[in-house]
Amino acid sequence: MDPTQKFSKVLVAIDGSENSMIATDFAIETAKRNDGELVVLHVSHVSNSKLYLTTAKQYEEIIKNYNQDLEGWISKIREKAKARNVKVKADIINDASNVIAAIVEYAAKNNIDLIVIGTRGNSGFKKLLLGSVAAGVVMYAPCPVMVIK
């Protein structure tokens, strides 16, 4: 990698966790410094165990509430980016079987220059030093990855 490379397309992967929202602030500032675009990516993944524990009506309610939360997260990010004069594109990948692969493939297909991701998200494995998604993205990403703690 060229150390003078500009990061014109900065992807931030969000899941609504505090760490992912902190990562968003870093991504906005990085995009601003590089006169770049911020790409906000959310990969929705509902574990099979959750599907078995809910009725169809409960599942619809869970998805409805989740989508409302997601819209709120993206709206807040858009506001912060607009305040910094950073262009934002938001994408959602629904029902991905593998969150890591979805992020990595998206970055490759969309010529992302930098991925910004929080160390631990909403997976529930708080004891891990580096979240499993962040570790996988670092390992397989086609571009540099900034991990925010």
N, C-alpha and C. Protein backbone atom coordinates (compact mmCIF):
# COMPACT_ATOMS: atom_id res chain seq x y z
N MET A 1 0.83 -1.19 0.00
CA MET A 1 0.00 0.00 0.00
C MET A 1 0.87 1.25 0.00
N ASP A 2 0.45 2.21 -0.73
CA ASP A 2 1.14 3.49 -0.81
C ASP A 2 0.77 4.32 0.43
N PRO A 3 1.76 4.73 1.23
CA PRO A 3 1.45 5.49 2.44
C PRO A 3 0.87 6.88 2.17
N THR A 4 0.93 7.34 0.94
CA THR A 4 0.36 8.64 0.60
C THR A 4 -1.03 8.51 -0.01
N GLN A 5 -1.54 7.29 -0.04
CA GLN A 5 -2.85 7.02 -0.64
C GLN A 5 -3.94 7.86 0.02
N LYS A 6 -4.82 8.39 -0.81
CA LYS A 6 -5.99 9.11 -0.29
C LYS A 6 -7.13 8.12 -0.13
N PHE A 7 -7.89 8.31 0.91
CA PHE A 7 -9.04 7.46 1.17
C PHE A 7 -10.30 8.18 0.69
N SER A 8 -10.59 8.04 -0.60
CA SER A 8 -11.72 8.76 -1.18
C SER A 8 -13.05 8.06 -0.92
N LYS A 9 -13.01 6.77 -0.61
CA LYS A 9 -14.24 6.04 -0.25
C LYS A 9 -13.98 5.31 1.06
N VAL A 10 -14.59 5.83 2.13
CA VAL A 10 -14.40 5.30 3.47
C VAL A 10 -15.68 4.59 3.89
N LEU A 11 -15.57 3.30 4.12
CA LEU A 11 -16.73 2.51 4.55
C LEU A 11 -16.70 2.36 6.06
N VAL A 12 -17.83 2.59 6.70
CA VAL A 12 -17.97 2.29 8.12
C VAL A 12 -19.09 1.25 8.25
N ALA A 13 -18.76 0.15 8.92
CA ALA A 13 -19.74 -0.90 9.16
C ALA A 13 -20.39 -0.64 10.50
N ILE A 14 -21.72 -0.57 10.50
CA ILE A 14 -22.44 -0.25 11.75
C ILE A 14 -23.38 -1.37 12.14
N ASP A 15 -23.56 -1.52 13.45
CA ASP A 15 -24.55 -2.45 13.97
C ASP A 15 -25.36 -1.83 15.11
N GLY A 16 -25.16 -0.53 15.32
CA GLY A 16 -25.90 0.17 16.36
C GLY A 16 -25.23 0.15 17.71
N SER A 17 -24.16 -0.63 17.84
CA SER A 17 -23.45 -0.69 19.12
C SER A 17 -22.73 0.64 19.35
N GLU A 18 -22.36 0.87 20.60
CA GLU A 18 -21.63 2.09 20.93
C GLU A 18 -20.32 2.15 20.15
N ASN A 19 -19.62 1.02 20.05
CA ASN A 19 -18.34 1.01 19.32
C ASN A 19 -18.52 1.34 17.84
N SER A 20 -19.60 0.84 17.23
CA SER A 20 -19.78 1.13 15.81
C SER A 20 -20.13 2.60 15.60
N MET A 21 -20.81 3.20 16.54
CA MET A 21 -21.15 4.61 16.40
C MET A 21 -19.92 5.49 16.65
N ILE A 22 -19.02 5.06 17.54
CA ILE A 22 -17.75 5.77 17.73
C ILE A 22 -16.91 5.65 16.46
N ALA A 23 -16.90 4.46 15.88
CA ALA A 23 -16.17 4.24 14.62
C ALA A 23 -16.68 5.18 13.53
N THR A 24 -17.97 5.46 13.56
CA THR A 24 -18.57 6.37 12.58
C THR A 24 -17.94 7.76 12.65
N ASP A 25 -17.70 8.23 13.86
CA ASP A 25 -17.07 9.55 14.02
C ASP A 25 -15.68 9.58 13.38
N PHE A 26 -14.91 8.52 13.58
CA PHE A 26 -13.58 8.42 12.96
C PHE A 26 -13.70 8.37 11.44
N ALA A 27 -14.68 7.62 10.96
CA ALA A 27 -14.86 7.49 9.51
C ALA A 27 -15.25 8.83 8.88
N ILE A 28 -16.11 9.58 9.54
CA ILE A 28 -16.51 10.89 9.03
C ILE A 28 -15.29 11.81 8.95
N GLU A 29 -14.49 11.85 10.00
CA GLU A 29 -13.32 12.73 10.02
C GLU A 29 -12.29 12.29 8.97
N THR A 30 -12.13 10.99 8.80
CA THR A 30 -11.18 10.50 7.79
C THR A 30 -11.66 10.88 6.39
N ALA A 31 -12.94 10.71 6.14
CA ALA A 31 -13.49 11.11 4.83
C ALA A 31 -13.32 12.61 4.63
N LYS A 32 -13.57 13.39 5.66
CA LYS A 32 -13.44 14.85 5.57
C LYS A 32 -12.00 15.24 5.22
N ARG A 33 -11.02 14.67 5.91
CA ARG A 33 -9.60 15.00 5.68
C ARG A 33 -9.15 14.62 4.27
N ASN A 34 -9.81 13.65 3.69
CA ASN A 34 -9.41 13.16 2.37
C ASN A 34 -10.34 13.63 1.25
N ASP A 35 -11.24 14.57 1.57
CA ASP A 35 -12.25 15.01 0.60
C ASP A 35 -12.96 13.81 -0.01
N GLY A 36 -13.29 12.87 0.85
CA GLY A 36 -13.87 11.62 0.38
C GLY A 36 -15.34 11.48 0.71
N GLU A 37 -15.84 10.32 0.35
CA GLU A 37 -17.25 9.96 0.57
C GLU A 37 -17.31 8.93 1.69
N LEU A 38 -18.31 9.06 2.54
CA LEU A 38 -18.56 8.09 3.60
C LEU A 38 -19.60 7.09 3.11
N VAL A 39 -19.28 5.83 3.22
CA VAL A 39 -20.21 4.77 2.87
C VAL A 39 -20.58 4.05 4.16
N VAL A 40 -21.84 4.15 4.54
CA VAL A 40 -22.34 3.50 5.75
C VAL A 40 -22.95 2.17 5.33
N LEU A 41 -22.46 1.10 5.95
CA LEU A 41 -22.95 -0.23 5.60
C LEU A 41 -23.45 -0.94 6.84
N HIS A 42 -24.67 -1.45 6.73
CA HIS A 42 -25.22 -2.29 7.79
C HIS A 42 -25.54 -3.65 7.17
N VAL A 43 -25.06 -4.69 7.82
CA VAL A 43 -25.35 -6.04 7.38
C VAL A 43 -26.26 -6.68 8.43
N SER A 44 -27.50 -6.96 8.04
CA SER A 44 -28.42 -7.57 9.00
C SER A 44 -28.25 -9.08 8.96
N HIS A 45 -28.16 -9.62 10.14
CA HIS A 45 -28.00 -11.06 10.28
C HIS A 45 -28.85 -11.48 11.47
N VAL A 46 -29.83 -12.30 11.21
CA VAL A 46 -30.67 -12.82 12.28
C VAL A 46 -30.28 -14.27 12.46
N SER A 47 -29.82 -14.59 13.66
CA SER A 47 -29.38 -15.96 13.89
C SER A 47 -30.57 -16.93 13.83
N ASN A 48 -30.28 -18.14 13.40
CA ASN A 48 -31.32 -19.17 13.31
C ASN A 48 -31.97 -19.44 14.65
N SER A 49 -31.21 -19.34 15.73
CA SER A 49 -31.78 -19.60 17.06
C SER A 49 -32.87 -18.59 17.39
N LYS A 50 -32.71 -17.33 16.97
CA LYS A 50 -33.75 -16.34 17.22
C LYS A 50 -35.01 -16.65 16.42
N LEU A 51 -34.83 -17.18 15.22
CA LEU A 51 -35.98 -17.52 14.39
C LEU A 51 -36.81 -18.62 15.03
N TYR A 52 -36.15 -19.59 15.64
CA TYR A 52 -36.86 -20.71 16.26
C TYR A 52 -37.56 -20.32 17.55
N LEU A 53 -37.12 -19.25 18.17
CA LEU A 53 -37.68 -18.85 19.45
C LEU A 53 -38.82 -17.84 19.34
N THR A 54 -39.19 -17.48 18.12
CA THR A 54 -40.24 -16.48 17.94
C THR A 54 -41.34 -16.99 17.02
N THR A 55 -42.52 -16.44 17.22
CA THR A 55 -43.62 -16.71 16.30
C THR A 55 -43.49 -15.75 15.13
N ALA A 56 -44.25 -15.97 14.10
CA ALA A 56 -44.20 -15.09 12.92
C ALA A 56 -44.54 -13.65 13.32
N LYS A 57 -45.54 -13.49 14.19
CA LYS A 57 -45.94 -12.15 14.62
C LYS A 57 -44.83 -11.49 15.44
N GLN A 58 -44.21 -12.25 16.34
CA GLN A 58 -43.10 -11.71 17.13
C GLN A 58 -41.94 -11.32 16.23
N TYR A 59 -41.66 -12.16 15.25
CA TYR A 59 -40.56 -11.89 14.33
C TYR A 59 -40.82 -10.60 13.55
N GLU A 60 -42.04 -10.41 13.07
CA GLU A 60 -42.38 -9.19 12.34
C GLU A 60 -42.19 -7.96 13.22
N GLU A 61 -42.56 -8.07 14.49
CA GLU A 61 -42.41 -6.95 15.43
C GLU A 61 -40.93 -6.66 15.68
N ILE A 62 -40.13 -7.72 15.82
CA ILE A 62 -38.69 -7.55 16.03
C ILE A 62 -38.08 -6.83 14.83
N ILE A 63 -38.41 -7.27 13.63
CA ILE A 63 -37.87 -6.65 12.41
C ILE A 63 -38.32 -5.21 12.28
N LYS A 64 -39.59 -4.94 12.59
CA LYS A 64 -40.11 -3.57 12.52
C LYS A 64 -39.33 -2.65 13.46
N ASN A 65 -39.13 -3.08 14.71
CA ASN A 65 -38.40 -2.27 15.68
C ASN A 65 -36.94 -2.10 15.26
N TYR A 66 -36.36 -3.16 14.75
CA TYR A 66 -34.96 -3.11 14.31
C TYR A 66 -34.79 -2.13 13.16
N ASN A 67 -35.71 -2.17 12.20
CA ASN A 67 -35.63 -1.24 11.07
C ASN A 67 -35.79 0.21 11.50
N GLN A 68 -36.64 0.45 12.50
CA GLN A 68 -36.78 1.80 13.03
C GLN A 68 -35.48 2.26 13.69
N ASP A 69 -34.85 1.36 14.45
CA ASP A 69 -33.57 1.69 15.06
C ASP A 69 -32.53 2.00 13.98
N LEU A 70 -32.49 1.16 12.97
CA LEU A 70 -31.52 1.32 11.88
C LEU A 70 -31.71 2.66 11.17
N GLU A 71 -32.95 3.02 10.90
CA GLU A 71 -33.22 4.32 10.28
C GLU A 71 -32.72 5.46 11.16
N GLY A 72 -32.89 5.31 12.47
CA GLY A 72 -32.41 6.33 13.41
C GLY A 72 -30.90 6.44 13.40
N TRP A 73 -30.20 5.31 13.38
CA TRP A 73 -28.73 5.32 13.35
C TRP A 73 -28.24 6.03 12.09
N ILE A 74 -28.81 5.65 10.96
CA ILE A 74 -28.37 6.23 9.69
C ILE A 74 -28.69 7.72 9.63
N SER A 75 -29.83 8.10 10.16
CA SER A 75 -30.20 9.52 10.19
C SER A 75 -29.20 10.33 11.01
N LYS A 76 -28.80 9.82 12.16
CA LYS A 76 -27.82 10.51 13.01
C LYS A 76 -26.47 10.64 12.28
N ILE A 77 -26.09 9.56 11.61
CA ILE A 77 -24.82 9.60 10.87
C ILE A 77 -24.89 10.63 9.75
N ARG A 78 -26.00 10.65 9.03
CA ARG A 78 -26.17 11.64 7.95
C ARG A 78 -26.06 13.07 8.49
N GLU A 79 -26.66 13.32 9.64
CA GLU A 79 -26.61 14.65 10.25
C GLU A 79 -25.18 15.04 10.59
N LYS A 80 -24.44 14.12 11.23
CA LYS A 80 -23.05 14.40 11.59
C LYS A 80 -22.20 14.65 10.35
N ALA A 81 -22.39 13.83 9.33
CA ALA A 81 -21.61 13.98 8.10
C ALA A 81 -21.95 15.29 7.40
N LYS A 82 -23.24 15.63 7.37
CA LYS A 82 -23.65 16.87 6.72
C LYS A 82 -23.02 18.07 7.42
N ALA A 83 -22.94 18.02 8.75
CA ALA A 83 -22.33 19.11 9.51
C ALA A 83 -20.85 19.27 9.16
N ARG A 84 -20.22 18.20 8.69
CA ARG A 84 -18.80 18.23 8.31
C ARG A 84 -18.62 18.32 6.80
N ASN A 85 -19.73 18.51 6.07
CA ASN A 85 -19.71 18.59 4.60
C ASN A 85 -19.13 17.33 3.95
N VAL A 86 -19.55 16.19 4.47
CA VAL A 86 -19.11 14.90 3.94
C VAL A 86 -20.30 14.23 3.28
N LYS A 87 -20.10 13.81 2.04
CA LYS A 87 -21.13 13.10 1.28
C LYS A 87 -21.30 11.70 1.88
N VAL A 88 -22.58 11.26 1.98
CA VAL A 88 -22.88 9.96 2.58
C VAL A 88 -23.70 9.10 1.64
N LYS A 89 -23.32 7.86 1.58
CA LYS A 89 -24.11 6.83 0.90
C LYS A 89 -24.36 5.75 1.94
N ALA A 90 -25.59 5.28 2.05
CA ALA A 90 -25.91 4.23 3.01
C ALA A 90 -26.46 3.02 2.28
N ASP A 91 -25.96 1.86 2.65
CA ASP A 91 -26.44 0.60 2.08
C ASP A 91 -26.73 -0.39 3.19
N ILE A 92 -27.71 -1.23 2.93
CA ILE A 92 -28.10 -2.28 3.87
C ILE A 92 -28.09 -3.60 3.13
N ILE A 93 -27.44 -4.56 3.71
CA ILE A 93 -27.47 -5.92 3.17
C ILE A 93 -28.33 -6.74 4.12
N ASN A 94 -29.43 -7.24 3.62
CA ASN A 94 -30.36 -7.99 4.47
C ASN A 94 -30.09 -9.48 4.44
N ASP A 95 -30.27 -10.08 5.59
CA ASP A 95 -30.23 -11.54 5.75
C ASP A 95 -28.95 -12.18 5.25
N ALA A 96 -27.82 -11.58 5.57
CA ALA A 96 -26.54 -12.17 5.17
C ALA A 96 -26.25 -13.38 6.05
N SER A 97 -25.78 -14.45 5.44
CA SER A 97 -25.44 -15.63 6.23
C SER A 97 -24.08 -15.45 6.91
N ASN A 98 -23.23 -14.59 6.33
CA ASN A 98 -21.90 -14.35 6.89
C ASN A 98 -21.61 -12.85 6.82
N VAL A 99 -21.61 -12.23 7.98
CA VAL A 99 -21.43 -10.77 8.05
C VAL A 99 -20.05 -10.37 7.54
N ILE A 100 -19.02 -11.11 7.91
CA ILE A 100 -17.66 -10.78 7.48
C ILE A 100 -17.57 -10.81 5.96
N ALA A 101 -18.04 -11.90 5.36
CA ALA A 101 -17.97 -12.03 3.90
C ALA A 101 -18.76 -10.92 3.22
N ALA A 102 -19.90 -10.55 3.79
CA ALA A 102 -20.72 -9.50 3.19
C ALA A 102 -19.97 -8.16 3.17
N ILE A 103 -19.31 -7.83 4.27
CA ILE A 103 -18.57 -6.57 4.34
C ILE A 103 -17.39 -6.58 3.38
N VAL A 104 -16.64 -7.67 3.38
CA VAL A 104 -15.45 -7.79 2.53
C VAL A 104 -15.83 -7.76 1.05
N GLU A 105 -16.86 -8.49 0.68
CA GLU A 105 -17.30 -8.51 -0.72
C GLU A 105 -17.82 -7.15 -1.15
N TYR A 106 -18.56 -6.48 -0.28
CA TYR A 106 -19.06 -5.14 -0.59
C TYR A 106 -17.88 -4.19 -0.84
N ALA A 107 -16.88 -4.25 0.03
CA ALA A 107 -15.71 -3.37 -0.11
C ALA A 107 -15.00 -3.62 -1.43
N ALA A 108 -14.86 -4.88 -1.80
CA ALA A 108 -14.18 -5.22 -3.05
C ALA A 108 -14.97 -4.74 -4.27
N LYS A 109 -16.27 -4.98 -4.26
CA LYS A 109 -17.12 -4.63 -5.40
C LYS A 109 -17.29 -3.12 -5.57
N ASN A 110 -17.15 -2.38 -4.49
CA ASN A 110 -17.41 -0.95 -4.53
C ASN A 110 -16.14 -0.10 -4.43
N ASN A 111 -15.00 -0.71 -4.64
CA ASN A 111 -13.72 0.01 -4.64
C ASN A 111 -13.51 0.87 -3.40
N ILE A 112 -13.78 0.30 -2.25
CA ILE A 112 -13.59 0.99 -0.98
C ILE A 112 -12.10 1.13 -0.70
N ASP A 113 -11.68 2.31 -0.25
CA ASP A 113 -10.27 2.56 0.05
C ASP A 113 -9.89 2.26 1.49
N LEU A 114 -10.87 2.35 2.40
CA LEU A 114 -10.61 2.13 3.82
C LEU A 114 -11.90 1.65 4.47
N ILE A 115 -11.78 0.64 5.33
CA ILE A 115 -12.91 0.18 6.14
C ILE A 115 -12.65 0.60 7.58
N VAL A 116 -13.65 1.18 8.21
CA VAL A 116 -13.57 1.55 9.62
C VAL A 116 -14.61 0.71 10.35
N ILE A 117 -14.18 0.05 11.44
CA ILE A 117 -15.07 -0.86 12.15
C ILE A 117 -14.74 -0.82 13.64
N GLY A 118 -15.76 -0.97 14.46
CA GLY A 118 -15.56 -1.02 15.91
C GLY A 118 -15.04 -2.39 16.33
N THR A 119 -14.36 -2.42 17.48
CA THR A 119 -13.77 -3.68 17.94
C THR A 119 -14.82 -4.70 18.34
N ARG A 120 -15.82 -4.26 19.04
CA ARG A 120 -16.85 -5.19 19.49
C ARG A 120 -18.21 -4.61 19.20
N GLY A 121 -19.06 -5.44 18.64
CA GLY A 121 -20.41 -4.98 18.31
C GLY A 121 -21.44 -5.61 19.20
N ASN A 122 -22.56 -5.93 18.61
CA ASN A 122 -23.69 -6.47 19.35
C ASN A 122 -23.74 -7.99 19.34
N SER A 123 -22.63 -8.65 19.17
CA SER A 123 -22.63 -10.11 19.09
C SER A 123 -22.77 -10.77 20.45
N GLY A 124 -22.51 -10.06 21.52
CA GLY A 124 -22.66 -10.63 22.85
C GLY A 124 -21.38 -11.24 23.39
N PHE A 125 -20.32 -11.27 22.65
CA PHE A 125 -19.06 -11.84 23.11
C PHE A 125 -18.16 -10.72 23.63
N LYS A 126 -18.54 -10.12 24.73
CA LYS A 126 -17.83 -8.96 25.26
C LYS A 126 -16.43 -9.30 25.76
N LYS A 127 -16.15 -10.56 26.03
CA LYS A 127 -14.86 -10.94 26.59
C LYS A 127 -13.76 -11.02 25.54
N LEU A 128 -14.12 -11.03 24.27
CA LEU A 128 -13.11 -11.14 23.22
C LEU A 128 -12.33 -9.84 23.12
N LEU A 129 -11.02 -9.97 22.93
CA LEU A 129 -10.18 -8.79 22.78
C LEU A 129 -10.54 -8.01 21.54
N LEU A 130 -10.70 -8.70 20.43
CA LEU A 130 -11.11 -8.08 19.18
C LEU A 130 -12.33 -8.85 18.71
N GLY A 131 -13.41 -8.16 18.43
CA GLY A 131 -14.62 -8.83 18.01
C GLY A 131 -14.39 -9.75 16.81
N SER A 132 -15.16 -10.80 16.73
CA SER A 132 -14.96 -11.78 15.65
C SER A 132 -15.20 -11.17 14.28
N VAL A 133 -16.18 -10.26 14.15
CA VAL A 133 -16.42 -9.62 12.85
C VAL A 133 -15.25 -8.71 12.50
N ALA A 134 -14.81 -7.90 13.44
CA ALA A 134 -13.69 -7.00 13.17
C ALA A 134 -12.44 -7.80 12.80
N ALA A 135 -12.17 -8.87 13.53
CA ALA A 135 -10.99 -9.70 13.23
C ALA A 135 -11.08 -10.31 11.84
N GLY A 136 -12.24 -10.79 11.47
CA GLY A 136 -12.43 -11.37 10.15
C GLY A 136 -12.28 -10.35 9.05
N VAL A 137 -12.80 -9.16 9.25
CA VAL A 137 -12.68 -8.10 8.24
C VAL A 137 -11.21 -7.72 8.08
N VAL A 138 -10.49 -7.59 9.20
CA VAL A 138 -9.06 -7.26 9.12
C VAL A 138 -8.33 -8.33 8.31
N MET A 139 -8.67 -9.57 8.53
CA MET A 139 -7.97 -10.67 7.87
C MET A 139 -8.24 -10.73 6.36
N TYR A 140 -9.47 -10.48 5.95
CA TYR A 140 -9.85 -10.72 4.55
C TYR A 140 -10.10 -9.48 3.70
N ALA A 141 -10.07 -8.31 4.28
CA ALA A 141 -10.40 -7.09 3.54
C ALA A 141 -9.44 -6.83 2.38
N PRO A 142 -9.96 -6.28 1.29
CA PRO A 142 -9.12 -5.96 0.13
C PRO A 142 -8.44 -4.61 0.25
N CYS A 143 -8.60 -3.94 1.40
CA CYS A 143 -8.05 -2.61 1.61
C CYS A 143 -7.67 -2.45 3.06
N PRO A 144 -7.04 -1.34 3.43
CA PRO A 144 -6.70 -1.12 4.85
C PRO A 144 -7.97 -1.08 5.71
N VAL A 145 -7.80 -1.48 6.97
CA VAL A 145 -8.90 -1.48 7.92
C VAL A 145 -8.45 -0.72 9.16
N MET A 146 -9.30 0.22 9.60
CA MET A 146 -9.05 0.94 10.85
C MET A 146 -10.02 0.38 11.89
N VAL A 147 -9.45 -0.18 12.96
CA VAL A 147 -10.27 -0.75 14.01
C VAL A 147 -10.31 0.23 15.17
N ILE A 148 -11.53 0.58 15.57
CA ILE A 148 -11.72 1.59 16.63
C ILE A 148 -12.16 0.91 17.91
N LYS A 149 -11.46 1.25 18.97
CA LYS A 149 -11.74 0.66 20.29
C LYS A 149 -12.57 1.61 21.10
